[in-house]
Amino acid sequence: MKKALISATLLALLASSTTAFGSGTRPRGGTDFGWGKETMRGTNSNISNERRLITRGRTQVRRHITCKSCEYHNNLNRETAREVARAVRAGRFDIKDNRRNAVLAYLIERYGI
C-alpha cells in the first residue's frame, strides 16, 4: 500500500513537470538552462528598483567622492556623510543630475542620514 502511494505520487509529479518543461516556450531574449528557471538576458529581475538605485549610487560615490584622488578618499563616514549629501545636492561633485538621487539614496541607506 505504501509503495503504491509513493509510486502514484511520483508518477503524478513526473507527469506535471514533463508538461511544464516540455512546452518549448521561452521568454523573448531569455535563456532556459534546463533547470526550469528562465532568466532574462541583460536584466536581473530579482533585484528591486530601490536596490538598483542604491547600487548605482554606491558606484557613483566610489567614482566621484571616494576615489583615490578625491577629497573624501578613506574619509567618508557617518559624520562626514551629511556634509557630502549637502555637497551633492548643491552640485559640488561632478555627478550628473540624473544620478544624484542614486547617490543620496546610497548615503541614506549606508550611513543613515
PDB file of N, CA and C in Angstrom:
ATOM      1  N   MET A   1       0.831  -1.189   0.000  1.00  0.00           N
ATOM      2  CA  MET A   1       0.000   0.000   0.000  1.00  0.00           C
ATOM      3  C   MET A   1       0.873   1.249   0.000  1.00  0.00           C
ATOM      4  N   LYS A   2       1.920   1.235   0.828  1.00  0.00           N
ATOM      5  CA  LYS A   2       2.800   2.387   0.931  1.00  0.00           C
ATOM      6  C   LYS A   2       3.559   2.608  -0.377  1.00  0.00           C
ATOM      7  N   LYS A   3       4.031   1.519  -1.004  1.00  0.00           N
ATOM      8  CA  LYS A   3       4.743   1.620  -2.285  1.00  0.00           C
ATOM      9  C   LYS A   3       3.820   2.160  -3.369  1.00  0.00           C
ATOM     10  N   ALA A   4       2.591   1.735  -3.374  1.00  0.00           N
ATOM     11  CA  ALA A   4       1.634   2.177  -4.388  1.00  0.00           C
ATOM     12  C   ALA A   4       1.376   3.682  -4.248  1.00  0.00           C
ATOM     13  N   LEU A   5       1.259   4.176  -3.029  1.00  0.00           N
ATOM     14  CA  LEU A   5       1.023   5.594  -2.783  1.00  0.00           C
ATOM     15  C   LEU A   5       2.229   6.433  -3.228  1.00  0.00           C
ATOM     16  N   ILE A   6       3.417   5.967  -2.895  1.00  0.00           N
ATOM     17  CA  ILE A   6       4.634   6.672  -3.304  1.00  0.00           C
ATOM     18  C   ILE A   6       4.768   6.671  -4.824  1.00  0.00           C
ATOM     19  N   SER A   7       4.502   5.512  -5.445  1.00  0.00           N
ATOM     20  CA  SER A   7       4.588   5.406  -6.900  1.00  0.00           C
ATOM     21  C   SER A   7       3.589   6.332  -7.582  1.00  0.00           C
ATOM     22  N   ALA A   8       2.377   6.404  -7.072  1.00  0.00           N
ATOM     23  CA  ALA A   8       1.349   7.267  -7.661  1.00  0.00           C
ATOM     24  C   ALA A   8       1.741   8.735  -7.521  1.00  0.00           C
ATOM     25  N   THR A   9       2.286   9.097  -6.379  1.00  0.00           N
ATOM     26  CA  THR A   9       2.717  10.476  -6.153  1.00  0.00           C
ATOM     27  C   THR A   9       3.854  10.852  -7.089  1.00  0.00           C
ATOM     28  N   LEU A  10       4.844   9.984  -7.215  1.00  0.00           N
ATOM     29  CA  LEU A  10       5.965  10.253  -8.117  1.00  0.00           C
ATOM     30  C   LEU A  10       5.511  10.326  -9.569  1.00  0.00           C
ATOM     31  N   LEU A  11       4.582   9.461  -9.954  1.00  0.00           N
ATOM     32  CA  LEU A  11       4.074   9.463 -11.320  1.00  0.00           C
ATOM     33  C   LEU A  11       3.334  10.768 -11.612  1.00  0.00           C
ATOM     34  N   ALA A  12       2.524  11.218 -10.673  1.00  0.00           N
ATOM     35  CA  ALA A  12       1.796  12.487 -10.860  1.00  0.00           C
ATOM     36  C   ALA A  12       2.762  13.662 -10.941  1.00  0.00           C
ATOM     37  N   LEU A  13       3.786  13.643 -10.092  1.00  0.00           N
ATOM     38  CA  LEU A  13       4.792  14.704 -10.113  1.00  0.00           C
ATOM     39  C   LEU A  13       5.555  14.713 -11.426  1.00  0.00           C
ATOM     40  N   LEU A  14       5.925  13.552 -11.897  1.00  0.00           N
ATOM     41  CA  LEU A  14       6.642  13.434 -13.164  1.00  0.00           C
ATOM     42  C   LEU A  14       5.779  13.913 -14.326  1.00  0.00           C
ATOM     43  N   ALA A  15       4.519  13.557 -14.334  1.00  0.00           N
ATOM     44  CA  ALA A  15       3.622  13.962 -15.417  1.00  0.00           C
ATOM     45  C   ALA A  15       3.428  15.473 -15.433  1.00  0.00           C
ATOM     46  N   SER A  16       3.288  16.093 -14.281  1.00  0.00           N
ATOM     47  CA  SER A  16       3.079  17.537 -14.254  1.00  0.00           C
ATOM     48  C   SER A  16       4.344  18.292 -14.628  1.00  0.00           C
ATOM     49  N   SER A  17       5.506  17.801 -14.231  1.00  0.00           N
ATOM     50  CA  SER A  17       6.747  18.503 -14.563  1.00  0.00           C
ATOM     51  C   SER A  17       7.120  18.311 -16.023  1.00  0.00           C
ATOM     52  N   THR A  18       6.761  17.194 -16.623  1.00  0.00           N
ATOM     53  CA  THR A  18       7.064  16.949 -18.032  1.00  0.00           C
ATOM     54  C   THR A  18       6.337  17.944 -18.915  1.00  0.00           C
ATOM     55  N   THR A  19       5.079  18.235 -18.612  1.00  0.00           N
ATOM     56  CA  THR A  19       4.338  19.190 -19.438  1.00  0.00           C
ATOM     57  C   THR A  19       4.873  20.602 -19.238  1.00  0.00           C
ATOM     58  N   ALA A  20       5.302  20.940 -18.070  1.00  0.00           N
ATOM     59  CA  ALA A  20       5.836  22.283 -17.831  1.00  0.00           C
ATOM     60  C   ALA A  20       7.170  22.478 -18.525  1.00  0.00           C
ATOM     61  N   PHE A  21       8.063  21.492 -18.453  1.00  0.00           N
ATOM     62  CA  PHE A  21       9.383  21.629 -19.063  1.00  0.00           C
ATOM     63  C   PHE A  21       9.344  21.392 -20.567  1.00  0.00           C
ATOM     64  N   GLY A  22       8.392  20.639 -21.026  1.00  0.00           N
ATOM     65  CA  GLY A  22       8.357  20.273 -22.422  1.00  0.00           C
ATOM     66  C   GLY A  22       7.562  21.221 -23.297  1.00  0.00           C
ATOM     67  N   SER A  23       7.099  22.345 -22.765  1.00  0.00           N
ATOM     68  CA  SER A  23       6.267  23.236 -23.555  1.00  0.00           C
ATOM     69  C   SER A  23       7.053  23.908 -24.664  1.00  0.00           C
ATOM     70  N   GLY A  24       8.351  24.097 -24.474  1.00  0.00           N
ATOM     71  CA  GLY A  24       9.190  24.656 -25.524  1.00  0.00           C
ATOM     72  C   GLY A  24       9.098  26.155 -25.661  1.00  0.00           C
ATOM     73  N   THR A  25       8.392  26.847 -24.771  1.00  0.00           N
ATOM     74  CA  THR A  25       8.287  28.301 -24.872  1.00  0.00           C
ATOM     75  C   THR A  25       9.291  28.958 -23.950  1.00  0.00           C
ATOM     76  N   ARG A  26       9.872  30.018 -24.432  1.00  0.00           N
ATOM     77  CA  ARG A  26      10.837  30.797 -23.659  1.00  0.00           C
ATOM     78  C   ARG A  26      10.474  32.259 -23.790  1.00  0.00           C
ATOM     79  N   PRO A  27      10.796  33.067 -22.787  1.00  0.00           N
ATOM     80  CA  PRO A  27      10.544  34.491 -22.928  1.00  0.00           C
ATOM     81  C   PRO A  27      11.486  35.086 -23.974  1.00  0.00           C
ATOM     82  N   ARG A  28      11.060  36.180 -24.580  1.00  0.00           N
ATOM     83  CA  ARG A  28      11.914  36.825 -25.579  1.00  0.00           C
ATOM     84  C   ARG A  28      13.233  37.231 -24.957  1.00  0.00           C
ATOM     85  N   GLY A  29      14.321  36.828 -25.581  1.00  0.00           N
ATOM     86  CA  GLY A  29      15.637  37.194 -25.088  1.00  0.00           C
ATOM     87  C   GLY A  29      16.092  36.378 -23.902  1.00  0.00           C
ATOM     88  N   GLY A  30      15.280  35.426 -23.467  1.00  0.00           N
ATOM     89  CA  GLY A  30      15.617  34.650 -22.285  1.00  0.00           C
ATOM     90  C   GLY A  30      16.353  33.378 -22.613  1.00  0.00           C
ATOM     91  N   THR A  31      16.843  32.756 -21.594  1.00  0.00           N
ATOM     92  CA  THR A  31      17.570  31.516 -21.758  1.00  0.00           C
ATOM     93  C   THR A  31      17.015  30.509 -20.780  1.00  0.00           C
ATOM     94  N   ASP A  32      16.760  29.301 -21.261  1.00  0.00           N
ATOM     95  CA  ASP A  32      16.328  28.223 -20.391  1.00  0.00           C
ATOM     96  C   ASP A  32      17.495  27.260 -20.277  1.00  0.00           C
ATOM     97  N   PHE A  33      18.050  27.178 -19.099  1.00  0.00           N
ATOM     98  CA  PHE A  33      19.219  26.347 -18.896  1.00  0.00           C
ATOM     99  C   PHE A  33      18.854  24.900 -18.593  1.00  0.00           C
ATOM    100  N   GLY A  34      17.595  24.551 -18.665  1.00  0.00           N
ATOM    101  CA  GLY A  34      17.178  23.186 -18.424  1.00  0.00           C
ATOM    102  C   GLY A  34      16.912  22.897 -16.953  1.00  0.00           C
ATOM    103  N   TRP A  35      16.985  23.928 -16.116  1.00  0.00           N
ATOM    104  CA  TRP A  35      16.744  23.735 -14.686  1.00  0.00           C
ATOM    105  C   TRP A  35      15.343  24.164 -14.311  1.00  0.00           C
ATOM    106  N   GLY A  36      14.584  24.595 -15.296  1.00  0.00           N
ATOM    107  CA  GLY A  36      13.230  25.037 -15.018  1.00  0.00           C
ATOM    108  C   GLY A  36      13.152  26.505 -14.658  1.00  0.00           C
ATOM    109  N   LYS A  37      14.270  27.184 -14.577  1.00  0.00           N
ATOM    110  CA  LYS A  37      14.260  28.606 -14.257  1.00  0.00           C
ATOM    111  C   LYS A  37      14.692  29.373 -15.496  1.00  0.00           C
ATOM    112  N   GLU A  38      13.884  30.311 -15.892  1.00  0.00           N
ATOM    113  CA  GLU A  38      14.200  31.100 -17.065  1.00  0.00           C
ATOM    114  C   GLU A  38      14.658  32.475 -16.610  1.00  0.00           C
ATOM    115  N   THR A  39      15.696  32.990 -17.230  1.00  0.00           N
ATOM    116  CA  THR A  39      16.205  34.307 -16.877  1.00  0.00           C
ATOM    117  C   THR A  39      16.224  35.184 -18.100  1.00  0.00           C
ATOM    118  N   MET A  40      16.074  36.457 -17.892  1.00  0.00           N
ATOM    119  CA  MET A  40      16.106  37.415 -18.985  1.00  0.00           C
ATOM    120  C   MET A  40      17.538  37.906 -19.156  1.00  0.00           C
ATOM    121  N   ARG A  41      17.967  38.023 -20.372  1.00  0.00           N
ATOM    122  CA  ARG A  41      19.311  38.481 -20.670  1.00  0.00           C
ATOM    123  C   ARG A  41      19.416  39.981 -20.407  1.00  0.00           C
ATOM    124  N   GLY A  42      20.461  40.395 -19.697  1.00  0.00           N
ATOM    125  CA  GLY A  42      20.721  41.811 -19.506  1.00  0.00           C
ATOM    126  C   GLY A  42      20.010  42.439 -18.325  1.00  0.00           C
ATOM    127  N   THR A  43      19.141  41.720 -17.659  1.00  0.00           N
ATOM    128  CA  THR A  43      18.450  42.280 -16.503  1.00  0.00           C
ATOM    129  C   THR A  43      18.510  41.288 -15.361  1.00  0.00           C
ATOM    130  N   ASN A  44      18.339  41.780 -14.185  1.00  0.00           N
ATOM    131  CA  ASN A  44      18.237  40.920 -13.026  1.00  0.00           C
ATOM    132  C   ASN A  44      16.929  41.276 -12.351  1.00  0.00           C
ATOM    133  N   SER A  45      15.880  40.583 -12.709  1.00  0.00           N
ATOM    134  CA  SER A  45      14.548  40.921 -12.242  1.00  0.00           C
ATOM    135  C   SER A  45      14.350  40.592 -10.769  1.00  0.00           C
ATOM    136  N   ASN A  46      15.303  39.906 -10.145  1.00  0.00           N
ATOM    137  CA  ASN A  46      15.180  39.599  -8.727  1.00  0.00           C
ATOM    138  C   ASN A  46      15.570  40.783  -7.854  1.00  0.00           C
ATOM    139  N   ILE A  47      16.173  41.814  -8.432  1.00  0.00           N
ATOM    140  CA  ILE A  47      16.603  42.982  -7.674  1.00  0.00           C
ATOM    141  C   ILE A  47      15.544  44.072  -7.814  1.00  0.00           C
ATOM    142  N   SER A  48      15.162  44.672  -6.707  1.00  0.00           N
ATOM    143  CA  SER A  48      14.154  45.718  -6.745  1.00  0.00           C
ATOM    144  C   SER A  48      14.745  47.000  -7.325  1.00  0.00           C
ATOM    145  N   ASN A  49      13.868  47.885  -7.739  1.00  0.00           N
ATOM    146  CA  ASN A  49      14.321  49.167  -8.282  1.00  0.00           C
ATOM    147  C   ASN A  49      15.063  49.972  -7.227  1.00  0.00           C
ATOM    148  N   GLU A  50      14.635  49.875  -5.985  1.00  0.00           N
ATOM    149  CA  GLU A  50      15.323  50.590  -4.904  1.00  0.00           C
ATOM    150  C   GLU A  50      16.754  50.072  -4.741  1.00  0.00           C
ATOM    151  N   ARG A  51      16.936  48.760  -4.809  1.00  0.00           N
ATOM    152  CA  ARG A  51      18.269  48.173  -4.674  1.00  0.00           C
ATOM    153  C   ARG A  51      19.153  48.570  -5.857  1.00  0.00           C
ATOM    154  N   ARG A  52      18.566  48.636  -7.060  1.00  0.00           N
ATOM    155  CA  ARG A  52      19.325  49.101  -8.231  1.00  0.00           C
ATOM    156  C   ARG A  52      19.779  50.543  -8.049  1.00  0.00           C
ATOM    157  N   LEU A  53      18.899  51.388  -7.525  1.00  0.00           N
ATOM    158  CA  LEU A  53      19.224  52.790  -7.294  1.00  0.00           C
ATOM    159  C   LEU A  53      20.368  52.917  -6.295  1.00  0.00           C
ATOM    160  N   ILE A  54      20.318  52.149  -5.225  1.00  0.00           N
ATOM    161  CA  ILE A  54      21.365  52.188  -4.206  1.00  0.00           C
ATOM    162  C   ILE A  54      22.681  51.672  -4.769  1.00  0.00           C
ATOM    163  N   THR A  55      22.636  50.627  -5.561  1.00  0.00           N
ATOM    164  CA  THR A  55      23.853  50.098  -6.174  1.00  0.00           C
ATOM    165  C   THR A  55      24.464  51.113  -7.128  1.00  0.00           C
ATOM    166  N   ARG A  56      23.635  51.778  -7.920  1.00  0.00           N
ATOM    167  CA  ARG A  56      24.124  52.812  -8.823  1.00  0.00           C
ATOM    168  C   ARG A  56      24.734  53.968  -8.024  1.00  0.00           C
ATOM    169  N   GLY A  57      24.101  54.313  -6.905  1.00  0.00           N
ATOM    170  CA  GLY A  57      24.631  55.372  -6.055  1.00  0.00           C
ATOM    171  C   GLY A  57      25.981  55.013  -5.458  1.00  0.00           C
ATOM    172  N   ARG A  58      26.138  53.765  -5.041  1.00  0.00           N
ATOM    173  CA  ARG A  58      27.425  53.321  -4.494  1.00  0.00           C
ATOM    174  C   ARG A  58      28.525  53.441  -5.546  1.00  0.00           C
ATOM    175  N   THR A  59      28.201  53.080  -6.771  1.00  0.00           N
ATOM    176  CA  THR A  59      29.175  53.196  -7.855  1.00  0.00           C
ATOM    177  C   THR A  59      29.573  54.654  -8.074  1.00  0.00           C
ATOM    178  N   GLN A  60      28.608  55.549  -8.065  1.00  0.00           N
ATOM    179  CA  GLN A  60      28.903  56.963  -8.266  1.00  0.00           C
ATOM    180  C   GLN A  60      29.718  57.544  -7.116  1.00  0.00           C
ATOM    181  N   VAL A  61      29.425  57.106  -5.895  1.00  0.00           N
ATOM    182  CA  VAL A  61      30.200  57.563  -4.737  1.00  0.00           C
ATOM    183  C   VAL A  61      31.644  57.119  -4.884  1.00  0.00           C
ATOM    184  N   ARG A  62      31.852  55.890  -5.279  1.00  0.00           N
ATOM    185  CA  ARG A  62      33.222  55.385  -5.439  1.00  0.00           C
ATOM    186  C   ARG A  62      33.961  56.109  -6.562  1.00  0.00           C
ATOM    187  N   ARG A  63      33.258  56.490  -7.614  1.00  0.00           N
ATOM    188  CA  ARG A  63      33.902  57.162  -8.747  1.00  0.00           C
ATOM    189  C   ARG A  63      34.194  58.632  -8.480  1.00  0.00           C
ATOM    190  N   HIS A  64      33.264  59.330  -7.824  1.00  0.00           N
ATOM    191  CA  HIS A  64      33.348  60.782  -7.755  1.00  0.00           C
ATOM    192  C   HIS A  64      33.606  61.348  -6.357  1.00  0.00           C
ATOM    193  N   ILE A  65      33.439  60.553  -5.320  1.00  0.00           N
ATOM    194  CA  ILE A  65      33.555  61.093  -3.967  1.00  0.00           C
ATOM    195  C   ILE A  65      34.683  60.433  -3.185  1.00  0.00           C
ATOM    196  N   THR A  66      34.851  59.120  -3.318  1.00  0.00           N
ATOM    197  CA  THR A  66      35.873  58.424  -2.525  1.00  0.00           C
ATOM    198  C   THR A  66      36.970  57.809  -3.372  1.00  0.00           C
ATOM    199  N   CYS A  67      37.169  58.285  -4.591  1.00  0.00           N
ATOM    200  CA  CYS A  67      38.246  57.748  -5.421  1.00  0.00           C
ATOM    201  C   CYS A  67      39.598  58.128  -4.814  1.00  0.00           C
ATOM    202  N   LYS A  68      40.671  57.551  -5.307  1.00  0.00           N
ATOM    203  CA  LYS A  68      41.995  57.782  -4.716  1.00  0.00           C
ATOM    204  C   LYS A  68      42.413  59.244  -4.734  1.00  0.00           C
ATOM    205  N   SER A  69      42.002  59.980  -5.740  1.00  0.00           N
ATOM    206  CA  SER A  69      42.388  61.386  -5.823  1.00  0.00           C
ATOM    207  C   SER A  69      41.298  62.326  -5.304  1.00  0.00           C
ATOM    208  N   CYS A  70      40.222  61.778  -4.745  1.00  0.00           N
ATOM    209  CA  CYS A  70      39.101  62.592  -4.271  1.00  0.00           C
ATOM    210  C   CYS A  70      39.308  63.046  -2.829  1.00  0.00           C
ATOM    211  N   GLU A  71      38.580  64.082  -2.477  1.00  0.00           N
ATOM    212  CA  GLU A  71      38.690  64.694  -1.153  1.00  0.00           C
ATOM    213  C   GLU A  71      38.298  63.734  -0.025  1.00  0.00           C
ATOM    214  N   TYR A  72      37.329  62.900  -0.244  1.00  0.00           N
ATOM    215  CA  TYR A  72      36.827  62.016   0.813  1.00  0.00           C
ATOM    216  C   TYR A  72      37.363  60.591   0.717  1.00  0.00           C
ATOM    217  N   HIS A  73      38.495  60.393   0.061  1.00  0.00           N
ATOM    218  CA  HIS A  73      39.114  59.065  -0.001  1.00  0.00           C
ATOM    219  C   HIS A  73      39.476  58.625   1.421  1.00  0.00           C
ATOM    220  N   ASN A  74      38.939  57.479   1.837  1.00  0.00           N
ATOM    221  CA  ASN A  74      39.125  56.931   3.197  1.00  0.00           C
ATOM    222  C   ASN A  74      38.647  57.886   4.289  1.00  0.00           C
ATOM    223  N   ASN A  75      37.738  58.790   3.943  1.00  0.00           N
ATOM    224  CA  ASN A  75      37.274  59.759   4.934  1.00  0.00           C
ATOM    225  C   ASN A  75      35.756  59.884   4.948  1.00  0.00           C
ATOM    226  N   LEU A  76      35.045  59.027   4.258  1.00  0.00           N
ATOM    227  CA  LEU A  76      33.589  59.081   4.267  1.00  0.00           C
ATOM    228  C   LEU A  76      33.086  58.171   5.380  1.00  0.00           C
ATOM    229  N   ASN A  77      32.410  58.777   6.345  1.00  0.00           N
ATOM    230  CA  ASN A  77      31.861  58.038   7.478  1.00  0.00           C
ATOM    231  C   ASN A  77      30.545  58.680   7.885  1.00  0.00           C
ATOM    232  N   ARG A  78      29.986  58.231   8.985  1.00  0.00           N
ATOM    233  CA  ARG A  78      28.683  58.734   9.426  1.00  0.00           C
ATOM    234  C   ARG A  78      28.700  60.238   9.666  1.00  0.00           C
ATOM    235  N   GLU A  79      29.797  60.765  10.166  1.00  0.00           N
ATOM    236  CA  GLU A  79      29.875  62.193  10.461  1.00  0.00           C
ATOM    237  C   GLU A  79      30.009  63.038   9.190  1.00  0.00           C
ATOM    238  N   THR A  80      30.798  62.576   8.240  1.00  0.00           N
ATOM    239  CA  THR A  80      31.018  63.359   7.025  1.00  0.00           C
ATOM    240  C   THR A  80      29.955  63.108   5.952  1.00  0.00           C
ATOM    241  N   ALA A  81      29.129  62.096   6.126  1.00  0.00           N
ATOM    242  CA  ALA A  81      28.118  61.763   5.117  1.00  0.00           C
ATOM    243  C   ALA A  81      27.098  62.884   4.956  1.00  0.00           C
ATOM    244  N   ARG A  82      26.724  63.555   6.036  1.00  0.00           N
ATOM    245  CA  ARG A  82      25.781  64.683   5.935  1.00  0.00           C
ATOM    246  C   ARG A  82      26.367  65.818   5.100  1.00  0.00           C
ATOM    247  N   GLU A  83      27.622  66.111   5.337  1.00  0.00           N
ATOM    248  CA  GLU A  83      28.313  67.152   4.576  1.00  0.00           C
ATOM    249  C   GLU A  83      28.384  66.778   3.088  1.00  0.00           C
ATOM    250  N   VAL A  84      28.674  65.534   2.810  1.00  0.00           N
ATOM    251  CA  VAL A  84      28.737  65.057   1.427  1.00  0.00           C
ATOM    252  C   VAL A  84      27.358  65.153   0.783  1.00  0.00           C
ATOM    253  N   ALA A  85      26.309  64.779   1.493  1.00  0.00           N
ATOM    254  CA  ALA A  85      24.954  64.849   0.946  1.00  0.00           C
ATOM    255  C   ALA A  85      24.591  66.294   0.590  1.00  0.00           C
ATOM    256  N   ARG A  86      24.943  67.238   1.464  1.00  0.00           N
ATOM    257  CA  ARG A  86      24.691  68.651   1.152  1.00  0.00           C
ATOM    258  C   ARG A  86      25.459  69.083  -0.098  1.00  0.00           C
ATOM    259  N   ALA A  87      26.698  68.635  -0.208  1.00  0.00           N
ATOM    260  CA  ALA A  87      27.520  68.989  -1.374  1.00  0.00           C
ATOM    261  C   ALA A  87      26.967  68.356  -2.652  1.00  0.00           C
ATOM    262  N   VAL A  88      26.442  67.161  -2.559  1.00  0.00           N
ATOM    263  CA  VAL A  88      25.844  66.506  -3.732  1.00  0.00           C
ATOM    264  C   VAL A  88      24.611  67.280  -4.170  1.00  0.00           C
ATOM    265  N   ARG A  89      23.773  67.666  -3.218  1.00  0.00           N
ATOM    266  CA  ARG A  89      22.572  68.444  -3.550  1.00  0.00           C
ATOM    267  C   ARG A  89      22.937  69.785  -4.176  1.00  0.00           C
ATOM    268  N   ALA A  90      24.035  70.387  -3.730  1.00  0.00           N
ATOM    269  CA  ALA A  90      24.475  71.687  -4.247  1.00  0.00           C
ATOM    270  C   ALA A  90      25.189  71.573  -5.587  1.00  0.00           C
ATOM    271  N   GLY A  91      25.510  70.367  -6.014  1.00  0.00           N
ATOM    272  CA  GLY A  91      26.169  70.171  -7.293  1.00  0.00           C
ATOM    273  C   GLY A  91      27.672  70.338  -7.252  1.00  0.00           C
ATOM    274  N   ARG A  92      28.273  70.186  -6.088  1.00  0.00           N
ATOM    275  CA  ARG A  92      29.715  70.378  -5.949  1.00  0.00           C
ATOM    276  C   ARG A  92      30.539  69.282  -6.617  1.00  0.00           C
ATOM    277  N   PHE A  93      30.030  68.069  -6.648  1.00  0.00           N
ATOM    278  CA  PHE A  93      30.742  66.954  -7.271  1.00  0.00           C
ATOM    279  C   PHE A  93      30.340  66.824  -8.731  1.00  0.00           C
ATOM    280  N   ASP A  94      31.184  66.213  -9.518  1.00  0.00           N
ATOM    281  CA  ASP A  94      30.945  66.034 -10.941  1.00  0.00           C
ATOM    282  C   ASP A  94      30.053  64.812 -11.174  1.00  0.00           C
ATOM    283  N   ILE A  95      28.809  64.917 -10.707  1.00  0.00           N
ATOM    284  CA  ILE A  95      27.833  63.833 -10.831  1.00  0.00           C
ATOM    285  C   ILE A  95      26.667  64.362 -11.653  1.00  0.00           C
ATOM    286  N   LYS A  96      26.266  63.609 -12.653  1.00  0.00           N
ATOM    287  CA  LYS A  96      25.161  64.029 -13.498  1.00  0.00           C
ATOM    288  C   LYS A  96      23.885  64.156 -12.672  1.00  0.00           C
ATOM    289  N   ASP A  97      23.018  65.048 -13.113  1.00  0.00           N
ATOM    290  CA  ASP A  97      21.781  65.322 -12.382  1.00  0.00           C
ATOM    291  C   ASP A  97      20.934  64.081 -12.164  1.00  0.00           C
ATOM    292  N   ASN A  98      20.866  63.212 -13.168  1.00  0.00           N
ATOM    293  CA  ASN A  98      20.012  62.031 -13.045  1.00  0.00           C
ATOM    294  C   ASN A  98      20.603  60.980 -12.112  1.00  0.00           C
ATOM    295  N   ARG A  99      21.838  61.137 -11.669  1.00  0.00           N
ATOM    296  CA  ARG A  99      22.454  60.159 -10.763  1.00  0.00           C
ATOM    297  C   ARG A  99      22.587  60.672  -9.337  1.00  0.00           C
ATOM    298  N   ARG A 100      22.241  61.921  -9.119  1.00  0.00           N
ATOM    299  CA  ARG A 100      22.334  62.478  -7.755  1.00  0.00           C
ATOM    300  C   ARG A 100      21.379  61.799  -6.794  1.00  0.00           C
ATOM    301  N   ASN A 101      20.182  61.484  -7.261  1.00  0.00           N
ATOM    302  CA  ASN A 101      19.218  60.782  -6.401  1.00  0.00           C
ATOM    303  C   ASN A 101      19.751  59.419  -5.987  1.00  0.00           C
ATOM    304  N   ALA A 102      20.464  58.759  -6.880  1.00  0.00           N
ATOM    305  CA  ALA A 102      21.043  57.456  -6.556  1.00  0.00           C
ATOM    306  C   ALA A 102      22.109  57.610  -5.473  1.00  0.00           C
ATOM    307  N   VAL A 103      22.939  58.630  -5.581  1.00  0.00           N
ATOM    308  CA  VAL A 103      23.979  58.870  -4.575  1.00  0.00           C
ATOM    309  C   VAL A 103      23.336  59.174  -3.224  1.00  0.00           C
ATOM    310  N   LEU A 104      22.309  59.995  -3.224  1.00  0.00           N
ATOM    311  CA  LEU A 104      21.632  60.326  -1.964  1.00  0.00           C
ATOM    312  C   LEU A 104      20.954  59.100  -1.365  1.00  0.00           C
ATOM    313  N   ALA A 105      20.366  58.253  -2.210  1.00  0.00           N
ATOM    314  CA  ALA A 105      19.742  57.017  -1.709  1.00  0.00           C
ATOM    315  C   ALA A 105      20.790  56.111  -1.077  1.00  0.00           C
ATOM    316  N   TYR A 106      21.961  56.018  -1.693  1.00  0.00           N
ATOM    317  CA  TYR A 106      23.032  55.199  -1.121  1.00  0.00           C
ATOM    318  C   TYR A 106      23.502  55.767   0.216  1.00  0.00           C
ATOM    319  N   LEU A 107      23.714  57.076   0.283  1.00  0.00           N
ATOM    320  CA  LEU A 107      24.178  57.680   1.537  1.00  0.00           C
ATOM    321  C   LEU A 107      23.160  57.492   2.655  1.00  0.00           C
ATOM    322  N   ILE A 108      21.896  57.609   2.320  1.00  0.00           N
ATOM    323  CA  ILE A 108      20.846  57.406   3.333  1.00  0.00           C
ATOM    324  C   ILE A 108      20.852  55.954   3.801  1.00  0.00           C
ATOM    325  N   GLU A 109      20.936  55.026   2.860  1.00  0.00           N
ATOM    326  CA  GLU A 109      20.938  53.596   3.202  1.00  0.00           C
ATOM    327  C   GLU A 109      22.181  53.211   4.001  1.00  0.00           C
ATOM    328  N   ARG A 110      23.338  53.658   3.562  1.00  0.00           N
ATOM    329  CA  ARG A 110      24.609  53.227   4.168  1.00  0.00           C
ATOM    330  C   ARG A 110      24.907  53.916   5.482  1.00  0.00           C
ATOM    331  N   TYR A 111      24.660  55.225   5.541  1.00  0.00           N
ATOM    332  CA  TYR A 111      25.065  55.988   6.717  1.00  0.00           C
ATOM    333  C   TYR A 111      23.900  56.482   7.562  1.00  0.00           C
ATOM    334  N   GLY A 112      22.671  56.221   7.129  1.00  0.00           N
ATOM    335  CA  GLY A 112      21.510  56.554   7.937  1.00  0.00           C
ATOM    336  C   GLY A 112      21.304  58.041   8.140  1.00  0.00           C
ATOM    337  N   ILE A 113      21.597  58.839   7.129  1.00  0.00           N
ATOM    338  CA  ILE A 113      21.416  60.286   7.294  1.00  0.00           C
ATOM    339  C   ILE A 113      20.026  60.707   6.893  1.00  0.00           C
TER     340      ILE A 113
END
